[in-house]
């Protein structure tokens, strides 16, 4: 059964700030600055950031890496009590991973009009999957968007 525990504004900001720290780490490594944390029963059980360039692996997005770590930490693939906090709206691969892992809720910072698949570009929640996470966007949106903008401006120079 899905749990609908709500977070206080302070808790939402705390978890998103933890995801943002991961995004900053990605930035330091020359990776697109996206960070994620997974919360289960109020505790962060996994954290990750983009590492596609570092790991030379297209699958190493912050969300998929965090889901992988959470599965290993919790000992199972069903993350039905887990909430994902991520600094950028998930792409199709990551949105699919959230659906397949049975993530309860997805909280994201900045919307992604080019690749976001929970409302930015398209919305996988419009499809008849047997599980769909609840999705909330716009948490620390300005800070998350600014970090990505700064990264790509520096990359172009």
N, C-alpha and C. Protein backbone atom coordinates (compact mmCIF):
# COMPACT_ATOMS: atom_id res chain seq x y z
N UNK A 1 0.84 -1.18 0.00
CA UNK A 1 0.00 0.00 0.00
C UNK A 1 0.88 1.25 0.00
N UNK A 2 0.53 2.20 -0.81
CA UNK A 2 1.31 3.43 -0.93
C UNK A 2 1.06 4.33 0.28
N UNK A 3 2.13 4.92 0.78
CA UNK A 3 2.02 5.85 1.91
C UNK A 3 2.02 7.27 1.39
N UNK A 4 1.20 8.11 1.96
CA UNK A 4 1.08 9.49 1.52
C UNK A 4 1.51 10.47 2.61
N UNK A 5 2.57 10.13 3.29
CA UNK A 5 3.11 11.01 4.33
C UNK A 5 3.57 12.31 3.68
N UNK A 6 3.17 13.39 4.24
CA UNK A 6 3.58 14.70 3.73
C UNK A 6 4.81 15.18 4.50
N UNK A 7 5.62 15.93 3.84
CA UNK A 7 6.79 16.54 4.45
C UNK A 7 6.49 17.99 4.79
N UNK A 8 7.13 18.48 5.83
CA UNK A 8 7.05 19.91 6.12
C UNK A 8 7.92 20.64 5.11
N UNK A 9 7.74 21.93 5.00
CA UNK A 9 8.57 22.73 4.09
C UNK A 9 10.04 22.61 4.48
N UNK A 10 10.30 22.60 5.77
CA UNK A 10 11.68 22.47 6.26
C UNK A 10 12.29 21.13 5.83
N UNK A 11 11.52 20.05 5.93
CA UNK A 11 12.02 18.74 5.51
C UNK A 11 12.26 18.69 4.00
N UNK A 12 11.33 19.24 3.21
CA UNK A 12 11.50 19.28 1.75
C UNK A 12 12.79 20.00 1.39
N UNK A 13 13.01 21.14 2.01
CA UNK A 13 14.23 21.90 1.73
C UNK A 13 15.48 21.16 2.17
N UNK A 14 15.42 20.49 3.30
CA UNK A 14 16.57 19.74 3.78
C UNK A 14 16.97 18.67 2.76
N UNK A 15 16.00 17.86 2.33
CA UNK A 15 16.31 16.77 1.40
C UNK A 15 16.77 17.31 0.04
N UNK A 16 16.14 18.40 -0.42
CA UNK A 16 16.56 18.96 -1.70
C UNK A 16 17.95 19.57 -1.59
N UNK A 17 18.27 20.16 -0.45
CA UNK A 17 19.63 20.70 -0.27
C UNK A 17 20.65 19.57 -0.28
N UNK A 18 20.29 18.41 0.22
CA UNK A 18 21.19 17.26 0.18
C UNK A 18 21.39 16.81 -1.27
N UNK A 19 20.32 16.81 -2.05
CA UNK A 19 20.44 16.48 -3.48
C UNK A 19 21.29 17.54 -4.18
N UNK A 20 21.10 18.79 -3.80
CA UNK A 20 21.87 19.89 -4.40
C UNK A 20 23.37 19.73 -4.12
N UNK A 21 23.72 19.28 -2.93
CA UNK A 21 25.13 19.02 -2.61
C UNK A 21 25.71 17.99 -3.56
N UNK A 22 24.92 16.98 -3.89
CA UNK A 22 25.36 15.97 -4.86
C UNK A 22 25.55 16.61 -6.24
N UNK A 23 24.65 17.52 -6.61
CA UNK A 23 24.78 18.21 -7.90
C UNK A 23 26.06 19.04 -7.92
N UNK A 24 26.39 19.68 -6.81
CA UNK A 24 27.63 20.44 -6.74
C UNK A 24 28.85 19.53 -6.91
N UNK A 25 28.78 18.33 -6.36
CA UNK A 25 29.87 17.38 -6.53
C UNK A 25 30.02 17.02 -8.01
N UNK A 26 28.89 16.78 -8.68
CA UNK A 26 28.93 16.48 -10.12
C UNK A 26 29.60 17.63 -10.86
N UNK A 27 29.23 18.85 -10.52
CA UNK A 27 29.79 20.05 -11.13
C UNK A 27 31.31 20.07 -10.99
N UNK A 28 31.79 19.77 -9.79
CA UNK A 28 33.24 19.76 -9.53
C UNK A 28 33.98 18.73 -10.39
N UNK A 29 33.30 17.65 -10.75
CA UNK A 29 33.90 16.60 -11.59
C UNK A 29 33.68 16.83 -13.08
N UNK A 30 33.09 17.97 -13.43
CA UNK A 30 32.84 18.26 -14.83
C UNK A 30 31.65 17.52 -15.41
N UNK A 31 30.78 17.06 -14.55
CA UNK A 31 29.56 16.36 -14.95
C UNK A 31 28.39 17.35 -14.95
N UNK A 32 27.38 17.06 -15.78
CA UNK A 32 26.16 17.88 -15.72
C UNK A 32 25.67 17.83 -14.28
N UNK A 33 25.50 19.00 -13.63
CA UNK A 33 25.25 19.02 -12.19
C UNK A 33 23.81 18.65 -11.79
N UNK A 34 23.60 17.36 -11.69
CA UNK A 34 22.33 16.83 -11.20
C UNK A 34 22.65 15.92 -10.03
N UNK A 35 21.90 16.08 -8.95
CA UNK A 35 22.09 15.26 -7.76
C UNK A 35 20.77 14.70 -7.28
N UNK A 36 20.85 13.58 -6.58
CA UNK A 36 19.64 12.91 -6.09
C UNK A 36 19.88 12.26 -4.75
N UNK A 37 18.84 12.21 -3.95
CA UNK A 37 18.83 11.41 -2.72
C UNK A 37 17.52 10.64 -2.67
N UNK A 38 17.57 9.49 -2.03
CA UNK A 38 16.37 8.68 -1.81
C UNK A 38 16.12 8.59 -0.32
N UNK A 39 14.88 8.86 0.05
CA UNK A 39 14.48 8.89 1.45
C UNK A 39 13.50 7.74 1.72
N UNK A 40 13.76 7.00 2.78
CA UNK A 40 12.89 5.88 3.20
C UNK A 40 12.67 6.04 4.69
N UNK A 41 11.42 6.16 5.10
CA UNK A 41 11.08 6.35 6.51
C UNK A 41 11.85 7.51 7.15
N UNK A 42 11.98 8.61 6.42
CA UNK A 42 12.61 9.80 6.95
C UNK A 42 14.12 9.82 6.93
N UNK A 43 14.74 8.75 6.45
CA UNK A 43 16.19 8.66 6.41
C UNK A 43 16.69 8.61 4.97
N UNK A 44 17.79 9.30 4.71
CA UNK A 44 18.41 9.20 3.39
C UNK A 44 19.12 7.85 3.33
N UNK A 45 18.68 7.01 2.38
CA UNK A 45 19.28 5.68 2.24
C UNK A 45 20.21 5.59 1.04
N UNK A 46 20.17 6.60 0.17
CA UNK A 46 21.06 6.61 -1.00
C UNK A 46 21.22 8.03 -1.49
N UNK A 47 22.40 8.30 -2.02
CA UNK A 47 22.68 9.60 -2.63
C UNK A 47 23.59 9.37 -3.81
N UNK A 48 23.41 10.20 -4.85
CA UNK A 48 24.23 10.03 -6.05
C UNK A 48 24.18 11.31 -6.88
N UNK A 49 25.11 11.38 -7.83
CA UNK A 49 25.13 12.50 -8.78
C UNK A 49 25.48 11.94 -10.16
N UNK A 50 25.26 12.74 -11.17
CA UNK A 50 25.61 12.31 -12.52
C UNK A 50 27.07 11.93 -12.57
N UNK A 51 27.36 10.83 -13.27
CA UNK A 51 28.76 10.40 -13.43
C UNK A 51 28.96 9.72 -14.79
N UNK A 52 28.22 10.16 -15.79
CA UNK A 52 28.33 9.55 -17.13
C UNK A 52 29.73 9.70 -17.70
N UNK A 53 30.29 10.89 -17.60
CA UNK A 53 31.63 11.14 -18.15
C UNK A 53 32.69 10.39 -17.35
N UNK A 54 32.60 10.47 -16.05
CA UNK A 54 33.57 9.81 -15.18
C UNK A 54 33.56 8.30 -15.37
N UNK A 55 32.37 7.71 -15.38
CA UNK A 55 32.23 6.26 -15.48
C UNK A 55 32.13 5.77 -16.92
N UNK A 56 32.09 6.70 -17.87
CA UNK A 56 31.97 6.32 -19.29
C UNK A 56 30.78 5.39 -19.51
N UNK A 57 29.63 5.81 -18.94
CA UNK A 57 28.45 4.96 -18.95
C UNK A 57 27.19 5.83 -19.06
N UNK A 58 26.44 5.64 -20.12
CA UNK A 58 25.23 6.43 -20.36
C UNK A 58 24.16 6.23 -19.29
N UNK A 59 24.25 5.15 -18.53
CA UNK A 59 23.24 4.86 -17.52
C UNK A 59 23.49 5.56 -16.19
N UNK A 60 24.61 6.21 -16.05
CA UNK A 60 25.00 6.78 -14.75
C UNK A 60 24.43 8.18 -14.52
N UNK A 61 23.12 8.27 -14.56
CA UNK A 61 22.42 9.49 -14.16
C UNK A 61 22.26 9.46 -12.65
N UNK A 62 22.07 10.61 -12.06
CA UNK A 62 21.93 10.69 -10.60
C UNK A 62 20.80 9.79 -10.10
N UNK A 63 19.66 9.82 -10.78
CA UNK A 63 18.49 9.06 -10.33
C UNK A 63 18.72 7.55 -10.40
N UNK A 64 19.24 7.07 -11.54
CA UNK A 64 19.44 5.63 -11.67
C UNK A 64 20.51 5.13 -10.71
N UNK A 65 21.53 5.92 -10.51
CA UNK A 65 22.58 5.52 -9.55
C UNK A 65 22.04 5.49 -8.13
N UNK A 66 21.20 6.48 -7.78
CA UNK A 66 20.61 6.50 -6.43
C UNK A 66 19.65 5.32 -6.25
N UNK A 67 18.87 5.01 -7.27
CA UNK A 67 17.96 3.87 -7.18
C UNK A 67 18.75 2.58 -6.99
N UNK A 68 19.83 2.42 -7.75
CA UNK A 68 20.68 1.24 -7.62
C UNK A 68 21.22 1.11 -6.19
N UNK A 69 21.73 2.21 -5.65
CA UNK A 69 22.27 2.19 -4.29
C UNK A 69 21.19 1.89 -3.26
N UNK A 70 19.99 2.47 -3.44
CA UNK A 70 18.90 2.23 -2.49
C UNK A 70 18.48 0.76 -2.51
N UNK A 71 18.39 0.17 -3.70
CA UNK A 71 18.04 -1.25 -3.80
C UNK A 71 19.05 -2.12 -3.06
N UNK A 72 20.32 -1.80 -3.23
CA UNK A 72 21.36 -2.57 -2.56
C UNK A 72 21.33 -2.37 -1.05
N UNK A 73 21.11 -1.13 -0.62
CA UNK A 73 21.05 -0.83 0.81
C UNK A 73 19.86 -1.50 1.48
N UNK A 74 18.70 -1.46 0.80
CA UNK A 74 17.47 -1.97 1.40
C UNK A 74 17.23 -3.45 1.11
N UNK A 75 17.99 -4.01 0.19
CA UNK A 75 17.87 -5.43 -0.08
C UNK A 75 16.69 -5.85 -0.94
N UNK A 76 16.26 -4.97 -1.82
CA UNK A 76 15.15 -5.32 -2.71
C UNK A 76 14.94 -4.25 -3.75
N UNK A 77 14.22 -4.59 -4.81
CA UNK A 77 14.02 -3.65 -5.91
C UNK A 77 12.76 -2.81 -5.76
N UNK A 78 11.85 -3.21 -4.91
CA UNK A 78 10.60 -2.46 -4.73
C UNK A 78 10.83 -1.33 -3.73
N UNK A 79 10.85 -0.14 -4.23
CA UNK A 79 11.09 1.03 -3.38
C UNK A 79 9.78 1.78 -3.14
N UNK A 80 8.74 1.04 -2.80
CA UNK A 80 7.39 1.58 -2.67
C UNK A 80 7.20 2.57 -1.52
N UNK A 81 8.11 2.60 -0.58
CA UNK A 81 8.05 3.58 0.52
C UNK A 81 9.11 4.66 0.36
N UNK A 82 9.76 4.68 -0.80
CA UNK A 82 10.87 5.60 -1.02
C UNK A 82 10.42 6.83 -1.79
N UNK A 83 11.02 7.94 -1.44
CA UNK A 83 10.80 9.20 -2.15
C UNK A 83 12.13 9.65 -2.73
N UNK A 84 12.10 10.09 -3.98
CA UNK A 84 13.29 10.56 -4.67
C UNK A 84 13.27 12.08 -4.70
N UNK A 85 14.37 12.68 -4.29
CA UNK A 85 14.58 14.12 -4.41
C UNK A 85 15.69 14.31 -5.42
N UNK A 86 15.42 15.06 -6.48
CA UNK A 86 16.40 15.24 -7.55
C UNK A 86 16.36 16.69 -8.02
N UNK A 87 17.50 17.22 -8.38
CA UNK A 87 17.60 18.65 -8.71
C UNK A 87 17.04 19.01 -10.08
N UNK A 88 16.87 18.03 -10.96
CA UNK A 88 16.33 18.27 -12.30
C UNK A 88 15.26 17.23 -12.60
N UNK A 89 14.21 17.65 -13.25
CA UNK A 89 13.13 16.73 -13.64
C UNK A 89 13.71 15.53 -14.40
N UNK A 90 13.32 14.32 -14.03
CA UNK A 90 13.88 13.12 -14.65
C UNK A 90 13.60 13.00 -16.15
N UNK A 91 14.60 12.48 -16.87
CA UNK A 91 14.48 12.18 -18.30
C UNK A 91 13.66 10.88 -18.46
N UNK A 92 13.50 10.44 -19.69
CA UNK A 92 12.70 9.23 -19.93
C UNK A 92 13.28 7.99 -19.26
N UNK A 93 14.60 7.85 -19.28
CA UNK A 93 15.23 6.69 -18.65
C UNK A 93 14.99 6.72 -17.14
N UNK A 94 15.21 7.86 -16.54
CA UNK A 94 15.10 7.98 -15.09
C UNK A 94 13.64 7.94 -14.62
N UNK A 95 12.75 8.54 -15.39
CA UNK A 95 11.33 8.46 -15.07
C UNK A 95 10.88 7.00 -15.14
N UNK A 96 11.34 6.28 -16.16
CA UNK A 96 11.03 4.86 -16.27
C UNK A 96 11.58 4.06 -15.11
N UNK A 97 12.79 4.40 -14.68
CA UNK A 97 13.38 3.72 -13.52
C UNK A 97 12.56 3.97 -12.26
N UNK A 98 12.06 5.19 -12.10
CA UNK A 98 11.21 5.51 -10.94
C UNK A 98 9.93 4.67 -10.97
N UNK A 99 9.34 4.56 -12.15
CA UNK A 99 8.13 3.76 -12.29
C UNK A 99 8.42 2.29 -12.00
N UNK A 100 9.47 1.75 -12.60
CA UNK A 100 9.80 0.34 -12.42
C UNK A 100 10.24 0.00 -11.01
N UNK A 101 10.87 0.92 -10.32
CA UNK A 101 11.30 0.68 -8.94
C UNK A 101 10.18 0.93 -7.94
N UNK A 102 9.05 1.40 -8.43
CA UNK A 102 7.87 1.69 -7.60
C UNK A 102 8.13 2.83 -6.61
N UNK A 103 8.93 3.81 -7.05
CA UNK A 103 9.17 4.99 -6.20
C UNK A 103 7.83 5.61 -5.84
N UNK A 104 7.67 5.96 -4.59
CA UNK A 104 6.41 6.52 -4.09
C UNK A 104 6.17 7.94 -4.61
N UNK A 105 7.15 8.83 -4.35
CA UNK A 105 7.03 10.22 -4.78
C UNK A 105 8.34 10.70 -5.35
N UNK A 106 8.23 11.59 -6.34
CA UNK A 106 9.40 12.24 -6.93
C UNK A 106 9.25 13.73 -6.68
N UNK A 107 10.26 14.33 -6.06
CA UNK A 107 10.32 15.77 -5.84
C UNK A 107 11.51 16.27 -6.65
N UNK A 108 11.27 17.23 -7.54
CA UNK A 108 12.39 17.74 -8.32
C UNK A 108 12.49 19.26 -8.21
N UNK A 109 13.70 19.75 -8.52
CA UNK A 109 13.96 21.18 -8.47
C UNK A 109 13.52 21.87 -9.74
N UNK A 110 14.37 21.86 -10.76
CA UNK A 110 14.10 22.56 -12.01
C UNK A 110 13.39 21.65 -13.01
N UNK A 111 12.42 22.21 -13.71
CA UNK A 111 11.76 21.50 -14.80
C UNK A 111 12.73 21.40 -15.98
N UNK A 112 12.54 20.39 -16.81
CA UNK A 112 13.37 20.21 -17.99
C UNK A 112 12.48 20.15 -19.22
N UNK A 113 12.39 21.29 -19.92
CA UNK A 113 11.52 21.41 -21.10
C UNK A 113 11.99 20.57 -22.27
N UNK A 114 13.26 20.22 -22.31
CA UNK A 114 13.80 19.45 -23.44
C UNK A 114 13.73 17.95 -23.25
N UNK A 115 13.91 17.48 -22.01
CA UNK A 115 13.99 16.04 -21.78
C UNK A 115 13.12 15.54 -20.63
N UNK A 116 12.53 16.42 -19.85
CA UNK A 116 11.76 16.01 -18.68
C UNK A 116 10.54 15.18 -19.03
N UNK A 117 10.35 14.10 -18.30
CA UNK A 117 9.26 13.17 -18.61
C UNK A 117 8.22 13.03 -17.51
N UNK A 118 8.18 14.01 -16.62
CA UNK A 118 7.11 14.10 -15.64
C UNK A 118 6.42 15.45 -15.78
N UNK A 119 6.29 15.92 -17.04
CA UNK A 119 5.55 17.15 -17.31
C UNK A 119 6.28 18.20 -18.11
N UNK A 120 7.62 18.20 -18.08
CA UNK A 120 8.38 19.24 -18.79
C UNK A 120 8.30 19.13 -20.29
N UNK A 121 8.71 17.98 -20.84
CA UNK A 121 8.64 17.73 -22.27
C UNK A 121 7.45 16.83 -22.59
N UNK A 122 7.31 15.79 -21.82
CA UNK A 122 6.18 14.87 -21.92
C UNK A 122 5.87 14.39 -20.51
N UNK A 123 4.85 13.56 -20.38
CA UNK A 123 4.49 13.10 -19.04
C UNK A 123 4.14 11.61 -19.07
N UNK A 124 5.05 10.79 -18.58
CA UNK A 124 4.81 9.35 -18.55
C UNK A 124 3.65 8.97 -17.63
N UNK A 125 3.24 9.88 -16.76
CA UNK A 125 2.11 9.57 -15.88
C UNK A 125 0.79 9.51 -16.66
N UNK A 126 0.82 9.94 -17.92
CA UNK A 126 -0.38 9.85 -18.75
C UNK A 126 -0.56 8.46 -19.35
N UNK A 127 0.42 7.60 -19.18
CA UNK A 127 0.37 6.24 -19.72
C UNK A 127 -0.16 5.28 -18.66
N UNK A 128 -0.77 4.18 -19.09
CA UNK A 128 -1.42 3.26 -18.13
C UNK A 128 -0.48 2.26 -17.46
N UNK A 129 0.60 2.75 -16.86
CA UNK A 129 1.48 1.86 -16.10
C UNK A 129 0.75 1.40 -14.84
N UNK A 130 1.15 0.25 -14.31
CA UNK A 130 0.48 -0.24 -13.10
C UNK A 130 0.92 0.50 -11.84
N UNK A 131 1.99 1.27 -11.93
CA UNK A 131 2.42 2.11 -10.81
C UNK A 131 2.87 3.45 -11.36
N UNK A 132 2.45 4.49 -10.71
CA UNK A 132 2.89 5.84 -11.09
C UNK A 132 3.21 6.62 -9.82
N UNK A 133 4.38 7.22 -9.78
CA UNK A 133 4.72 8.02 -8.59
C UNK A 133 3.95 9.34 -8.58
N UNK A 134 3.76 9.86 -7.40
CA UNK A 134 3.28 11.23 -7.28
C UNK A 134 4.48 12.12 -7.57
N UNK A 135 4.27 13.23 -8.25
CA UNK A 135 5.39 14.08 -8.66
C UNK A 135 5.12 15.52 -8.27
N UNK A 136 6.13 16.15 -7.67
CA UNK A 136 6.07 17.54 -7.26
C UNK A 136 7.32 18.26 -7.74
N UNK A 137 7.16 19.34 -8.47
CA UNK A 137 8.31 20.08 -8.98
C UNK A 137 8.42 21.47 -8.39
N UNK A 138 9.56 22.09 -8.63
CA UNK A 138 9.76 23.49 -8.25
C UNK A 138 10.39 23.72 -6.89
N UNK A 139 10.93 22.69 -6.26
CA UNK A 139 11.57 22.85 -4.96
C UNK A 139 13.00 23.34 -5.19
N UNK A 140 13.32 24.51 -4.69
CA UNK A 140 14.62 25.16 -4.94
C UNK A 140 14.87 25.30 -6.44
N UNK A 141 13.82 25.58 -7.17
CA UNK A 141 13.89 25.62 -8.63
C UNK A 141 14.93 26.59 -9.16
N UNK A 142 14.96 27.79 -8.61
CA UNK A 142 15.91 28.80 -9.11
C UNK A 142 17.35 28.37 -8.90
N UNK A 143 17.68 27.87 -7.72
CA UNK A 143 19.04 27.46 -7.42
C UNK A 143 19.47 26.29 -8.31
N UNK A 144 18.57 25.32 -8.48
CA UNK A 144 18.89 24.15 -9.29
C UNK A 144 19.07 24.53 -10.76
N UNK A 145 18.20 25.39 -11.27
CA UNK A 145 18.30 25.83 -12.67
C UNK A 145 19.56 26.66 -12.88
N UNK A 146 19.89 27.51 -11.92
CA UNK A 146 21.06 28.38 -12.03
C UNK A 146 22.36 27.57 -12.08
N UNK A 147 22.45 26.52 -11.29
CA UNK A 147 23.65 25.67 -11.29
C UNK A 147 23.86 25.04 -12.66
N UNK A 148 22.80 24.54 -13.25
CA UNK A 148 22.90 23.93 -14.59
C UNK A 148 23.24 24.98 -15.64
N UNK A 149 22.60 26.13 -15.54
CA UNK A 149 22.87 27.22 -16.49
C UNK A 149 24.34 27.63 -16.42
N UNK A 150 24.85 27.81 -15.20
CA UNK A 150 26.25 28.21 -15.01
C UNK A 150 27.20 27.16 -15.58
N UNK A 151 26.88 25.88 -15.36
CA UNK A 151 27.70 24.80 -15.88
C UNK A 151 27.83 24.88 -17.40
N UNK A 152 26.72 25.04 -18.09
CA UNK A 152 26.75 25.05 -19.55
C UNK A 152 27.35 26.35 -20.10
N UNK A 153 27.19 27.45 -19.39
CA UNK A 153 27.86 28.69 -19.81
C UNK A 153 29.37 28.53 -19.74
N UNK A 154 29.86 27.93 -18.66
CA UNK A 154 31.30 27.70 -18.52
C UNK A 154 31.80 26.69 -19.54
N UNK A 155 31.01 25.70 -19.83
CA UNK A 155 31.39 24.67 -20.80
C UNK A 155 31.55 25.28 -22.19
N UNK A 156 30.68 26.22 -22.55
CA UNK A 156 30.74 26.88 -23.86
C UNK A 156 31.97 27.77 -24.03
N UNK A 157 32.51 28.28 -22.90
CA UNK A 157 33.66 29.17 -22.95
C UNK A 157 34.89 28.48 -23.29
